[in-house]
């Protein structure tokens, strides 16, 4: 993985199962929050899968699109691009109807000190969207942060296990889920909630954070010593395919990889690829934020990119100075303050 076009092609390459599922889903697809970290690659994946499925469905990409270059590139790829601020009730009300809605809007970074804005984005806005699209299927992105820290030996939190958000960001994300649950029940809106835990690609994610530290000769903090990671392309595929699993009450799904990834071992693996020593600091805690995604893997299969591949690709990408999104995950934080 040595160039941005190569990365975008790989992220947007649809697998056969996604194409088959889209043949069974009627109508257009509306992606809210299409300009964020996940949105562009998900939109491109949906476009290629719809084309392969031959349904003629439109993929509508909605965002503020402060980056006009991104809007242009999605338009060139075939998306129906709509520049709109969905926090504006008039703009939200003016969006086209769509039978299939994927909701990617959320606030995380900069939460500390702006808790009120985070709650507005993560809980108030979902209610407005759920009311506007009461006649649609809705797949809403959530996060594994709604779970508590669990013992590393536990196998990770399951969808049916206890929740326990740490910090206001995580609490607001649980609030988002509860709001979507409320409107699913109130309006009989089929809904799915995707609890995503650390999707990665070459420009962003836990492995980028580790690779940047190793390549800069900085120590990697291993206090949060274990994580789950998953290829962003797989996470996008599952999010789209979840449209076939929406229900009332909402279908809840953990999405992450099957492995328990050691941060120390990941740093060593980056160092081995780069031919550099790895430095670490701290000692591994007995608990971490971990999700069990067996339900996801039973329904949708395993990710088609391995952790070993992700580490190798990421190391080359960061070492070669290729573009990054510049948004550290802060996976090391254990107090929920982002």
Protein backbone atom coordinates (compact mmCIF):
# COMPACT_ATOMS: atom_id res chain seq x y z
CA UNK A 1 0.00 0.00 0.00
CA UNK A 2 2.17 2.83 -1.29
CA UNK A 3 -0.13 5.59 -2.64
CA UNK A 4 -3.42 7.33 -1.93
CA UNK A 5 -5.11 6.05 -5.13
CA UNK A 6 -4.07 2.50 -4.20
CA UNK A 7 -5.49 2.93 -0.69
CA UNK A 8 -8.77 4.39 -1.93
CA UNK A 9 -9.15 1.59 -4.46
CA UNK A 10 -8.56 -1.08 -1.82
CA UNK A 11 -10.93 0.55 0.68
CA UNK A 12 -13.69 0.76 -1.92
CA UNK A 13 -13.31 -2.72 -3.43
CA UNK A 14 -16.62 -4.55 -2.77
CA UNK A 15 -16.74 -8.20 -1.85
CA UNK A 16 -19.35 -10.45 -3.46
CA UNK A 17 -21.47 -10.70 -0.31
CA UNK A 18 -21.94 -6.92 -0.20
CA UNK A 19 -22.99 -6.85 -3.84
CA UNK A 20 -25.50 -9.65 -3.25
CA UNK A 21 -26.97 -7.89 -0.22
CA UNK A 22 -27.41 -4.65 -2.13
CA UNK A 23 -29.38 -6.53 -4.79
CA UNK A 24 -31.87 -7.32 -2.03
CA UNK A 25 -32.17 -3.76 -0.70
CA UNK A 26 -34.65 -1.53 -2.49
CA UNK A 27 -34.12 2.15 -3.11
CA UNK A 28 -31.51 4.86 -2.74
CA UNK A 29 -28.92 5.17 0.02
CA UNK A 30 -28.41 8.39 1.99
CA UNK A 31 -25.14 8.78 3.93
CA UNK A 32 -25.24 11.49 6.60
CA UNK A 33 -21.79 12.59 7.73
CA UNK A 34 -20.17 11.60 4.45
CA UNK A 35 -17.31 14.05 4.89
CA UNK A 36 -15.88 12.57 8.11
CA UNK A 37 -13.15 9.99 8.68
CA UNK A 38 -15.26 7.03 7.58
CA UNK A 39 -17.68 8.67 5.18
CA UNK A 40 -15.69 9.07 1.96
CA UNK A 41 -14.46 5.47 1.86
CA UNK A 42 -17.93 4.15 2.74
CA UNK A 43 -19.53 6.21 -0.02
CA UNK A 44 -17.00 4.99 -2.59
CA UNK A 45 -17.53 1.40 -1.49
CA UNK A 46 -21.30 1.78 -1.76
CA UNK A 47 -20.98 3.30 -5.25
CA UNK A 48 -18.87 0.43 -6.57
CA UNK A 49 -21.10 -2.18 -4.94
CA UNK A 50 -24.30 -0.60 -6.32
CA UNK A 51 -22.74 -0.51 -9.77
CA UNK A 52 -21.79 -4.19 -9.51
CA UNK A 53 -25.28 -5.03 -8.20
CA UNK A 54 -26.88 -3.25 -11.15
CA UNK A 55 -29.77 -1.83 -9.10
CA UNK A 56 -29.48 1.75 -10.34
CA UNK A 57 -29.81 3.06 -6.78
CA UNK A 58 -28.42 6.50 -6.03
CA UNK A 59 -25.84 7.01 -3.30
CA UNK A 60 -26.40 10.43 -1.74
CA UNK A 61 -23.53 11.88 0.28
CA UNK A 62 -24.46 14.59 2.79
CA UNK A 63 -22.00 16.72 4.75
CA UNK A 64 -20.98 20.34 5.25
CA UNK A 65 -18.12 19.59 2.81
CA UNK A 66 -15.85 22.40 3.92
CA UNK A 67 -13.29 20.59 1.77
CA UNK A 68 -14.69 21.24 -1.70
CA UNK A 69 -12.06 18.94 -3.19
CA UNK A 70 -13.59 16.00 -1.32
CA UNK A 71 -17.06 16.91 -2.57
CA UNK A 72 -15.74 17.07 -6.13
CA UNK A 73 -13.99 13.71 -5.86
CA UNK A 74 -17.12 11.98 -4.53
CA UNK A 75 -19.17 13.60 -7.27
CA UNK A 76 -16.72 12.36 -9.88
CA UNK A 77 -17.01 8.87 -8.38
CA UNK A 78 -20.75 8.97 -9.01
CA UNK A 79 -22.24 10.16 -5.72
CA UNK A 80 -25.09 12.64 -5.55
CA UNK A 81 -23.36 15.19 -3.31
CA UNK A 82 -25.42 17.43 -1.04
CA UNK A 83 -23.63 20.17 0.92
CA UNK A 84 -25.78 20.72 4.02
CA UNK A 85 -25.40 21.36 7.73
CA UNK A 86 -27.70 18.72 9.20
CA UNK A 87 -27.66 20.49 12.58
CA UNK A 88 -29.76 23.19 10.89
CA UNK A 89 -33.39 21.98 11.09
CA UNK A 90 -34.25 23.69 7.80
CA UNK A 91 -31.35 22.01 6.02
CA UNK A 92 -32.23 18.62 7.52
CA UNK A 93 -35.86 19.02 6.53
CA UNK A 94 -34.83 19.90 2.99
CA UNK A 95 -32.88 16.72 2.38
CA UNK A 96 -34.38 14.20 -0.02
CA UNK A 97 -36.31 11.21 1.26
CA UNK A 98 -34.50 7.90 1.17
CA UNK A 99 -35.53 4.39 2.22
CA UNK A 100 -32.00 3.60 3.44
CA UNK A 101 -30.07 5.93 5.76
CA UNK A 102 -26.58 5.49 7.18
CA UNK A 103 -25.85 7.89 10.02
CA UNK A 104 -22.15 8.63 10.60
CA UNK A 105 -22.35 11.99 12.37
CA UNK A 106 -20.63 12.18 15.74
CA UNK A 107 -18.40 14.25 17.99
CA UNK A 108 -15.40 12.90 19.90
CA UNK A 109 -12.25 14.99 19.72
CA UNK A 110 -12.32 18.18 21.75
CA UNK A 111 -14.99 16.78 24.05
CA UNK A 112 -13.27 18.00 27.22
CA UNK A 113 -14.38 21.55 27.89
CA UNK A 114 -17.15 21.43 25.28
CA UNK A 115 -19.31 18.73 26.77
CA UNK A 116 -22.53 20.58 25.92
CA UNK A 117 -21.67 20.62 22.21
CA UNK A 118 -20.76 16.94 22.29
CA UNK A 119 -24.10 16.04 23.86
CA UNK A 120 -25.95 18.18 21.32
CA UNK A 121 -24.26 16.41 18.41
CA UNK A 122 -24.39 12.92 19.85
CA UNK A 123 -27.89 12.91 21.38
CA UNK A 124 -30.04 15.86 20.29
CA UNK A 125 -29.24 15.63 16.58
CA UNK A 126 -29.96 11.87 16.35
CA UNK A 127 -33.49 12.54 17.57
CA UNK A 128 -34.03 15.10 14.83
CA UNK A 129 -32.65 12.73 12.20
CA UNK A 130 -34.69 9.78 13.49
CA UNK A 131 -37.83 11.90 13.36
CA UNK A 132 -37.07 13.20 9.85
CA UNK A 133 -36.42 9.69 8.50
CA UNK A 134 -39.08 7.84 10.46
CA UNK A 135 -40.13 5.91 7.36
CA UNK A 136 -36.64 4.65 6.51
CA UNK A 137 -34.25 1.93 7.57
CA UNK A 138 -31.52 3.52 9.67
CA UNK A 139 -28.05 2.19 10.41
CA UNK A 140 -26.39 4.42 13.01
CA UNK A 141 -22.73 4.35 13.88
CA UNK A 142 -22.02 3.96 17.58
CA UNK A 143 -18.88 2.94 19.46
CA UNK A 144 -17.45 0.30 21.76
CA UNK A 145 -16.88 3.12 24.24
CA UNK A 146 -20.36 2.46 25.62
CA UNK A 147 -18.81 -0.56 27.37
CA UNK A 148 -16.69 -0.47 30.53
CA UNK A 149 -13.06 -1.46 30.67
CA UNK A 150 -12.99 -5.24 31.02
CA UNK A 151 -10.32 -7.77 32.01
CA UNK A 152 -7.95 -8.54 29.16
CA UNK A 153 -8.69 -12.23 29.74
CA UNK A 154 -12.48 -11.76 29.38
CA UNK A 155 -12.75 -12.08 25.61
CA UNK A 156 -14.27 -8.60 25.36
CA UNK A 157 -17.71 -7.09 25.93
CA UNK A 158 -20.64 -8.66 24.11
CA UNK A 159 -23.75 -6.94 22.80
CA UNK A 160 -25.87 -8.55 25.51
CA UNK A 161 -23.45 -7.82 28.35
CA UNK A 162 -23.33 -4.85 30.72
CA UNK A 163 -22.69 -1.34 29.50
CA UNK A 164 -20.66 1.18 31.48
CA UNK A 165 -19.48 4.24 29.56
CA UNK A 166 -16.41 5.98 31.00
CA UNK A 167 -16.45 9.78 30.61
CA UNK A 168 -18.87 12.21 29.03
CA UNK A 169 -18.03 11.34 25.44
CA UNK A 170 -18.90 7.70 26.04
CA UNK A 171 -22.02 8.65 28.00
CA UNK A 172 -23.20 10.85 25.14
CA UNK A 173 -22.68 7.94 22.74
CA UNK A 174 -24.90 5.77 24.91
CA UNK A 175 -27.36 8.66 24.81
CA UNK A 176 -27.27 8.52 21.00
CA UNK A 177 -28.14 4.84 21.11
CA UNK A 178 -31.01 5.44 23.54
CA UNK A 179 -32.44 8.18 21.33
CA UNK A 180 -32.37 5.94 18.27
CA UNK A 181 -33.95 3.17 20.34
CA UNK A 182 -36.70 5.54 21.45
CA UNK A 183 -37.58 6.62 17.92
CA UNK A 184 -37.35 3.07 16.62
CA UNK A 185 -40.04 2.11 19.13
CA UNK A 186 -42.08 5.30 18.71
CA UNK A 187 -42.13 5.33 14.89
CA UNK A 188 -41.55 1.60 14.26
CA UNK A 189 -38.36 2.53 12.40
CA UNK A 190 -36.13 -0.48 11.65
CA UNK A 191 -32.73 0.44 13.08
CA UNK A 192 -29.27 -1.02 13.57
CA UNK A 193 -26.61 0.29 15.97
CA UNK A 194 -23.00 -0.39 14.99
CA UNK A 195 -20.63 -0.41 17.98
CA UNK A 196 -17.37 0.08 16.12
CA UNK A 197 -14.12 -0.47 17.98
CA UNK A 198 -10.99 1.01 16.41
CA UNK A 199 -11.28 0.83 12.65
CA UNK A 200 -7.92 1.49 11.00
CA UNK A 201 -6.51 2.39 7.65
CA UNK A 202 -3.17 3.83 6.61
CA UNK A 203 -4.04 7.48 7.41
CA UNK A 204 -5.68 7.01 10.79
CA UNK A 205 -6.03 4.65 13.73
CA UNK A 206 -4.26 2.93 16.57
CA UNK A 207 -1.61 1.41 14.30
CA UNK A 208 -0.81 4.82 12.85
CA UNK A 209 -0.37 6.19 16.37
CA UNK A 210 1.99 3.33 17.25
CA UNK A 211 3.93 3.57 13.98
CA UNK A 212 4.42 7.32 14.30
CA UNK A 213 5.87 6.90 17.79
CA UNK A 214 8.20 4.03 16.83
CA UNK A 215 9.46 5.77 13.69
CA UNK A 216 10.07 8.99 15.63
CA UNK A 217 12.04 7.12 18.27
CA UNK A 218 9.45 7.94 20.92
CA UNK A 219 8.30 5.47 23.58
CA UNK A 220 4.94 3.76 23.12
CA UNK A 221 2.81 3.79 26.27
CA UNK A 222 1.66 0.22 26.91
CA UNK A 223 -0.44 0.90 30.00
CA UNK A 224 -3.48 0.32 27.82
CA UNK A 225 -1.76 -2.79 26.63
CA UNK A 226 -4.36 -4.47 24.44
CA UNK A 227 -6.76 -3.27 21.73
CA UNK A 228 -9.05 -4.50 19.01
CA UNK A 229 -8.53 -3.17 15.50
CA UNK A 230 -10.31 -3.80 12.21
CA UNK A 231 -9.71 -2.86 8.57
CA UNK A 232 -11.81 0.17 7.67
CA UNK A 233 -13.00 -1.42 4.44
CA UNK A 234 -14.51 -4.33 6.37
CA UNK A 235 -16.18 -1.97 8.86
CA UNK A 236 -17.70 -0.02 5.97
CA UNK A 237 -18.94 -3.22 4.33
CA UNK A 238 -20.61 -4.44 7.51
CA UNK A 239 -22.22 -1.04 8.10
CA UNK A 240 -23.83 -1.10 4.67
CA UNK A 241 -24.87 -4.74 4.89
CA UNK A 242 -26.48 -4.07 8.28
CA UNK A 243 -29.32 -2.39 6.36
CA UNK A 244 -30.65 -5.93 5.85
CA UNK A 245 -30.65 -6.55 9.60
CA UNK A 246 -32.40 -3.45 10.91
CA UNK A 247 -35.18 -4.19 13.37
CA UNK A 248 -37.42 -2.91 16.16
CA UNK A 249 -36.02 -2.83 18.79
CA UNK A 250 -32.70 -1.98 17.13
CA UNK A 251 -30.26 -4.65 16.06
CA UNK A 252 -27.01 -4.09 18.00
CA UNK A 253 -23.69 -5.23 16.56
CA UNK A 254 -20.09 -5.05 17.74
CA UNK A 255 -17.77 -4.47 14.78
CA UNK A 256 -14.05 -5.05 15.21
CA UNK A 257 -11.43 -7.65 14.41
CA UNK A 258 -11.24 -11.12 15.98
CA UNK A 259 -7.78 -10.65 17.50
CA UNK A 260 -6.66 -9.33 20.86
CA UNK A 261 -3.79 -7.11 19.73
CA UNK A 262 -0.93 -6.49 22.14
CA UNK A 263 0.26 -2.88 21.90
CA UNK A 264 3.78 -3.96 22.89
CA UNK A 265 3.85 -6.64 20.19
CA UNK A 266 2.42 -4.25 17.62
CA UNK A 267 5.22 -1.78 18.40
CA UNK A 268 7.76 -4.58 18.01
CA UNK A 269 6.20 -5.58 14.68
CA UNK A 270 6.37 -2.00 13.38
CA UNK A 271 10.00 -1.82 14.49
CA UNK A 272 10.80 -5.09 12.71
CA UNK A 273 9.31 -3.83 9.42
CA UNK A 274 11.14 -0.50 9.75
CA UNK A 275 14.42 -1.98 10.93
CA UNK A 276 14.40 0.15 14.05
CA UNK A 277 14.30 -0.52 17.79
CA UNK A 278 11.00 -0.08 19.62
CA UNK A 279 10.82 1.74 22.93
CA UNK A 280 7.95 1.31 25.36
CA UNK A 281 6.94 2.86 28.64
CA UNK A 282 4.59 1.70 31.38
CA UNK A 283 3.26 -1.72 32.29
CA UNK A 284 0.17 -3.36 30.85
CA UNK A 285 -2.99 -2.83 32.90
CA UNK A 286 -5.20 -5.82 33.62
CA UNK A 287 -8.17 -4.21 31.83
CA UNK A 288 -8.86 -2.48 28.53
CA UNK A 289 -11.67 -1.36 26.23
CA UNK A 290 -12.33 -4.58 24.31
CA UNK A 291 -15.24 -5.85 22.24
CA UNK A 292 -16.28 -9.38 21.32
CA UNK A 293 -17.39 -9.35 17.66
CA UNK A 294 -18.32 -13.02 17.22
CA UNK A 295 -21.89 -12.08 16.25
CA UNK A 296 -20.53 -9.89 13.46
CA UNK A 297 -18.15 -12.55 12.19
CA UNK A 298 -20.89 -15.19 12.15
CA UNK A 299 -23.13 -12.97 10.06
CA UNK A 300 -20.64 -11.25 7.79
CA UNK A 301 -17.50 -13.38 7.80
CA UNK A 302 -14.02 -12.36 8.87
CA UNK A 303 -12.12 -9.24 7.77
CA UNK A 304 -10.24 -9.81 4.54
CA UNK A 305 -7.16 -7.88 5.67
CA UNK A 306 -5.04 -9.29 8.49
CA UNK A 307 -3.46 -7.39 11.36
CA UNK A 308 -0.04 -8.37 10.03
CA UNK A 309 -0.90 -6.78 6.67
CA UNK A 310 -2.23 -3.67 8.38
CA UNK A 311 0.95 -3.26 10.42
CA UNK A 312 3.17 -3.68 7.36
CA UNK A 313 1.13 -1.32 5.19
CA UNK A 314 0.88 1.28 7.94
CA UNK A 315 4.59 1.21 8.70
CA UNK A 316 5.52 1.77 5.04
CA UNK A 317 2.88 4.50 4.72
CA UNK A 318 4.05 6.48 7.75
CA UNK A 319 7.75 5.94 6.99
CA UNK A 320 7.24 7.23 3.43
CA UNK A 321 5.57 10.40 4.66
CA UNK A 322 2.26 9.76 2.90
CA UNK A 323 -0.85 11.76 3.93
CA UNK A 324 -2.31 11.31 7.42
CA UNK A 325 -5.58 12.63 8.83
CA UNK A 326 -3.82 14.12 11.84
CA UNK A 327 -6.33 12.81 14.39
CA UNK A 328 -4.68 10.64 17.06
CA UNK A 329 -7.08 8.11 18.53
CA UNK A 330 -5.96 8.72 22.13
CA UNK A 331 -6.48 5.00 22.69
CA UNK A 332 -4.13 5.23 25.71
CA UNK A 333 -6.63 7.28 27.72
CA UNK A 334 -8.43 5.37 30.43
CA UNK A 335 -10.49 8.25 31.88
CA UNK A 336 -12.71 8.86 28.84
CA UNK A 337 -11.55 12.47 28.41
CA UNK A 338 -10.98 13.22 24.74
